[in-house]
Amino acid sequence: MADFVNNGNTIPYTPDGADVTAGDVVVLNSDVIGVVVADTEDGQLGALYVDGVFRFDTSATLAVGEDAYWSATSEEMTSDNTDVYGGRVVEVVSTTQVDVKINFKSESSGS
C-alpha cells in the first residue's frame, strides 16, 4: 500500500549555510537540480521545483532535444557533460537563453 504525499513537482528543502532566492538553482546529491520556489532564509524550510520547464541563460550552442547541463560556476546551462545534468532543451529562446525540462531523463534506469 502507498499513501499519496505530493505530485512530485516540488520537494521540501532547507538551505544550509546561506539564504536562497526564488529562481536560484540548487544541486542535490551531485546529480539532480532544483529551482528555489520562494525566498528562503538559511535553516528555514522551503521548497524546490524538481519538475517543470524553466528558462536558463546559456553561452553554449544548444538545440531542441539536446541534453543540457548546469554549471554552478558560470550559473548557466551548458553542453558540457562534466557539469551536473540539468534536463532536456525544449526551446531555444535566443542565442543566450534556452527553456529546459529539468531532470528529464529518457533512458531507462533499469529494473
C-alpha atoms as a PDB file:
ATOM      1  CA  MET A   1       0.000   0.000   0.000  1.00  0.00           C
ATOM      2  CA  ALA A   2       1.136   3.544  -0.667  1.00  0.00           C
ATOM      3  CA  ASP A   3      -0.168   6.866   0.581  1.00  0.00           C
ATOM      4  CA  PHE A   4      -0.098   9.920  -1.701  1.00  0.00           C
ATOM      5  CA  VAL A   5       2.305  12.570  -0.411  1.00  0.00           C
ATOM      6  CA  ASN A   6       2.529  15.110  -3.263  1.00  0.00           C
ATOM      7  CA  ASN A   7       2.633  15.294  -7.053  1.00  0.00           C
ATOM      8  CA  GLY A   8       6.431  15.368  -7.134  1.00  0.00           C
ATOM      9  CA  ASN A   9       6.781  18.762  -8.795  1.00  0.00           C
ATOM     10  CA  THR A  10       8.229  20.220  -5.599  1.00  0.00           C
ATOM     11  CA  ILE A  11      10.154  18.793  -2.683  1.00  0.00           C
ATOM     12  CA  PRO A  12      10.911  20.232   0.760  1.00  0.00           C
ATOM     13  CA  TYR A  13      14.285  21.956   1.035  1.00  0.00           C
ATOM     14  CA  THR A  14      16.092  23.607   3.942  1.00  0.00           C
ATOM     15  CA  PRO A  15      19.074  25.763   2.922  1.00  0.00           C
ATOM     16  CA  ASP A  16      22.211  25.002   4.896  1.00  0.00           C
ATOM     17  CA  GLY A  17      24.744  27.808   5.005  1.00  0.00           C
ATOM     18  CA  ALA A  18      23.085  30.683   3.164  1.00  0.00           C
ATOM     19  CA  ASP A  19      19.745  32.230   2.266  1.00  0.00           C
ATOM     20  CA  VAL A  20      18.348  31.320  -1.171  1.00  0.00           C
ATOM     21  CA  THR A  21      16.294  33.423  -3.556  1.00  0.00           C
ATOM     22  CA  ALA A  22      13.379  32.339  -5.740  1.00  0.00           C
ATOM     23  CA  GLY A  23      14.812  31.110  -9.028  1.00  0.00           C
ATOM     24  CA  ASP A  24      18.182  30.069  -7.611  1.00  0.00           C
ATOM     25  CA  VAL A  25      19.366  26.675  -8.831  1.00  0.00           C
ATOM     26  CA  VAL A  26      20.388  24.146  -6.187  1.00  0.00           C
ATOM     27  CA  VAL A  27      22.290  20.925  -6.906  1.00  0.00           C
ATOM     28  CA  LEU A  28      21.155  17.951  -4.828  1.00  0.00           C
ATOM     29  CA  ASN A  29      23.324  14.847  -4.380  1.00  0.00           C
ATOM     30  CA  SER A  30      25.547  15.929  -7.293  1.00  0.00           C
ATOM     31  CA  ASP A  31      23.049  14.717  -9.902  1.00  0.00           C
ATOM     32  CA  VAL A  32      19.689  16.493  -9.547  1.00  0.00           C
ATOM     33  CA  ILE A  33      18.910  20.180  -9.829  1.00  0.00           C
ATOM     34  CA  GLY A  34      16.121  22.057  -8.128  1.00  0.00           C
ATOM     35  CA  VAL A  35      14.852  25.598  -8.594  1.00  0.00           C
ATOM     36  CA  VAL A  36      14.018  27.536  -5.433  1.00  0.00           C
ATOM     37  CA  VAL A  37      10.268  28.231  -5.234  1.00  0.00           C
ATOM     38  CA  ALA A  38      10.381  31.267  -2.906  1.00  0.00           C
ATOM     39  CA  ASP A  39      12.987  33.265  -0.985  1.00  0.00           C
ATOM     40  CA  THR A  40      14.036  31.131   1.984  1.00  0.00           C
ATOM     41  CA  GLU A  41      16.275  32.034   4.898  1.00  0.00           C
ATOM     42  CA  ASP A  42      19.163  29.793   5.907  1.00  0.00           C
ATOM     43  CA  GLY A  43      17.907  26.969   8.124  1.00  0.00           C
ATOM     44  CA  GLN A  44      14.225  27.562   7.325  1.00  0.00           C
ATOM     45  CA  LEU A  45      12.029  25.074   5.476  1.00  0.00           C
ATOM     46  CA  GLY A  46      11.316  25.979   1.862  1.00  0.00           C
ATOM     47  CA  ALA A  47      10.767  24.115  -1.377  1.00  0.00           C
ATOM     48  CA  LEU A  48      12.398  23.324  -4.700  1.00  0.00           C
ATOM     49  CA  TYR A  49      10.811  22.681  -8.055  1.00  0.00           C
ATOM     50  CA  VAL A  50      12.286  19.421  -9.367  1.00  0.00           C
ATOM     51  CA  ASP A  51       9.998  19.145 -12.385  1.00  0.00           C
ATOM     52  CA  GLY A  52       8.847  21.628 -14.990  1.00  0.00           C
ATOM     53  CA  VAL A  53      10.196  23.815 -17.778  1.00  0.00           C
ATOM     54  CA  PHE A  54      12.439  26.730 -16.820  1.00  0.00           C
ATOM     55  CA  ARG A  55      14.288  29.418 -18.781  1.00  0.00           C
ATOM     56  CA  PHE A  56      18.044  29.472 -18.269  1.00  0.00           C
ATOM     57  CA  ASP A  57      20.898  31.601 -19.523  1.00  0.00           C
ATOM     58  CA  THR A  58      23.440  29.873 -21.739  1.00  0.00           C
ATOM     59  CA  SER A  59      26.526  30.706 -23.739  1.00  0.00           C
ATOM     60  CA  ALA A  60      26.526  27.261 -25.362  1.00  0.00           C
ATOM     61  CA  THR A  61      25.028  26.401 -28.717  1.00  0.00           C
ATOM     62  CA  LEU A  62      22.195  24.080 -27.721  1.00  0.00           C
ATOM     63  CA  ALA A  63      19.379  22.654 -29.848  1.00  0.00           C
ATOM     64  CA  VAL A  64      15.904  21.363 -29.058  1.00  0.00           C
ATOM     65  CA  GLY A  65      16.103  17.785 -27.814  1.00  0.00           C
ATOM     66  CA  GLU A  66      19.670  18.005 -26.579  1.00  0.00           C
ATOM     67  CA  ASP A  67      20.748  17.365 -23.008  1.00  0.00           C
ATOM     68  CA  ALA A  68      21.692  20.469 -21.023  1.00  0.00           C
ATOM     69  CA  TYR A  69      23.995  20.597 -18.017  1.00  0.00           C
ATOM     70  CA  TRP A  70      24.045  23.069 -15.114  1.00  0.00           C
ATOM     71  CA  SER A  71      27.314  24.844 -14.393  1.00  0.00           C
ATOM     72  CA  ALA A  72      27.290  26.166 -10.842  1.00  0.00           C
ATOM     73  CA  THR A  73      30.464  28.083 -11.681  1.00  0.00           C
ATOM     74  CA  SER A  74      29.022  30.103 -14.560  1.00  0.00           C
ATOM     75  CA  GLU A  75      25.384  29.760 -13.376  1.00  0.00           C
ATOM     76  CA  GLU A  76      24.098  28.727 -16.796  1.00  0.00           C
ATOM     77  CA  MET A  77      23.161  25.710 -18.867  1.00  0.00           C
ATOM     78  CA  THR A  78      25.995  24.217 -20.901  1.00  0.00           C
ATOM     79  CA  SER A  79      26.626  21.334 -23.275  1.00  0.00           C
ATOM     80  CA  ASP A  80      29.454  20.063 -21.052  1.00  0.00           C
ATOM     81  CA  ASN A  81      28.549  16.635 -19.682  1.00  0.00           C
ATOM     82  CA  THR A  82      31.039  17.062 -16.841  1.00  0.00           C
ATOM     83  CA  ASP A  83      28.625  19.631 -15.368  1.00  0.00           C
ATOM     84  CA  VAL A  84      25.501  18.457 -13.482  1.00  0.00           C
ATOM     85  CA  TYR A  85      22.772  17.049 -15.724  1.00  0.00           C
ATOM     86  CA  GLY A  86      20.004  19.673 -15.892  1.00  0.00           C
ATOM     87  CA  GLY A  87      17.480  18.282 -18.336  1.00  0.00           C
ATOM     88  CA  ARG A  88      16.381  18.399 -21.964  1.00  0.00           C
ATOM     89  CA  VAL A  89      16.177  21.536 -24.111  1.00  0.00           C
ATOM     90  CA  VAL A  90      12.570  22.106 -25.217  1.00  0.00           C
ATOM     91  CA  GLU A  91      13.007  25.538 -26.808  1.00  0.00           C
ATOM     92  CA  VAL A  92      15.865  27.743 -27.915  1.00  0.00           C
ATOM     93  CA  VAL A  93      14.605  31.189 -26.969  1.00  0.00           C
ATOM     94  CA  SER A  94      17.637  33.123 -28.215  1.00  0.00           C
ATOM     95  CA  THR A  95      21.386  32.746 -28.544  1.00  0.00           C
ATOM     96  CA  THR A  96      21.640  33.380 -24.795  1.00  0.00           C
ATOM     97  CA  GLN A  97      18.571  31.607 -23.359  1.00  0.00           C
ATOM     98  CA  VAL A  98      17.032  28.134 -23.502  1.00  0.00           C
ATOM     99  CA  ASP A  99      13.950  26.545 -21.972  1.00  0.00           C
ATOM    100  CA  VAL A 100      14.789  23.245 -20.284  1.00  0.00           C
ATOM    101  CA  LYS A 101      12.553  20.484 -18.905  1.00  0.00           C
ATOM    102  CA  ILE A 102      14.562  19.912 -15.749  1.00  0.00           C
ATOM    103  CA  ASN A 103      15.626  16.464 -14.576  1.00  0.00           C
ATOM    104  CA  PHE A 104      14.152  14.837 -17.693  1.00  0.00           C
ATOM    105  CA  LYS A 105      15.860  11.555 -18.447  1.00  0.00           C
ATOM    106  CA  SER A 106      14.565   9.426 -21.285  1.00  0.00           C
ATOM    107  CA  GLU A 107      16.873   6.456 -20.839  1.00  0.00           C
ATOM    108  CA  SER A 108      15.685   3.526 -18.757  1.00  0.00           C
ATOM    109  CA  SER A 109      17.068   3.458 -15.248  1.00  0.00           C
ATOM    110  CA  GLY A 110      16.829  -0.339 -15.036  1.00  0.00           C
ATOM    111  CA  SER A 111      14.502  -2.515 -13.032  1.00  0.00           C
END
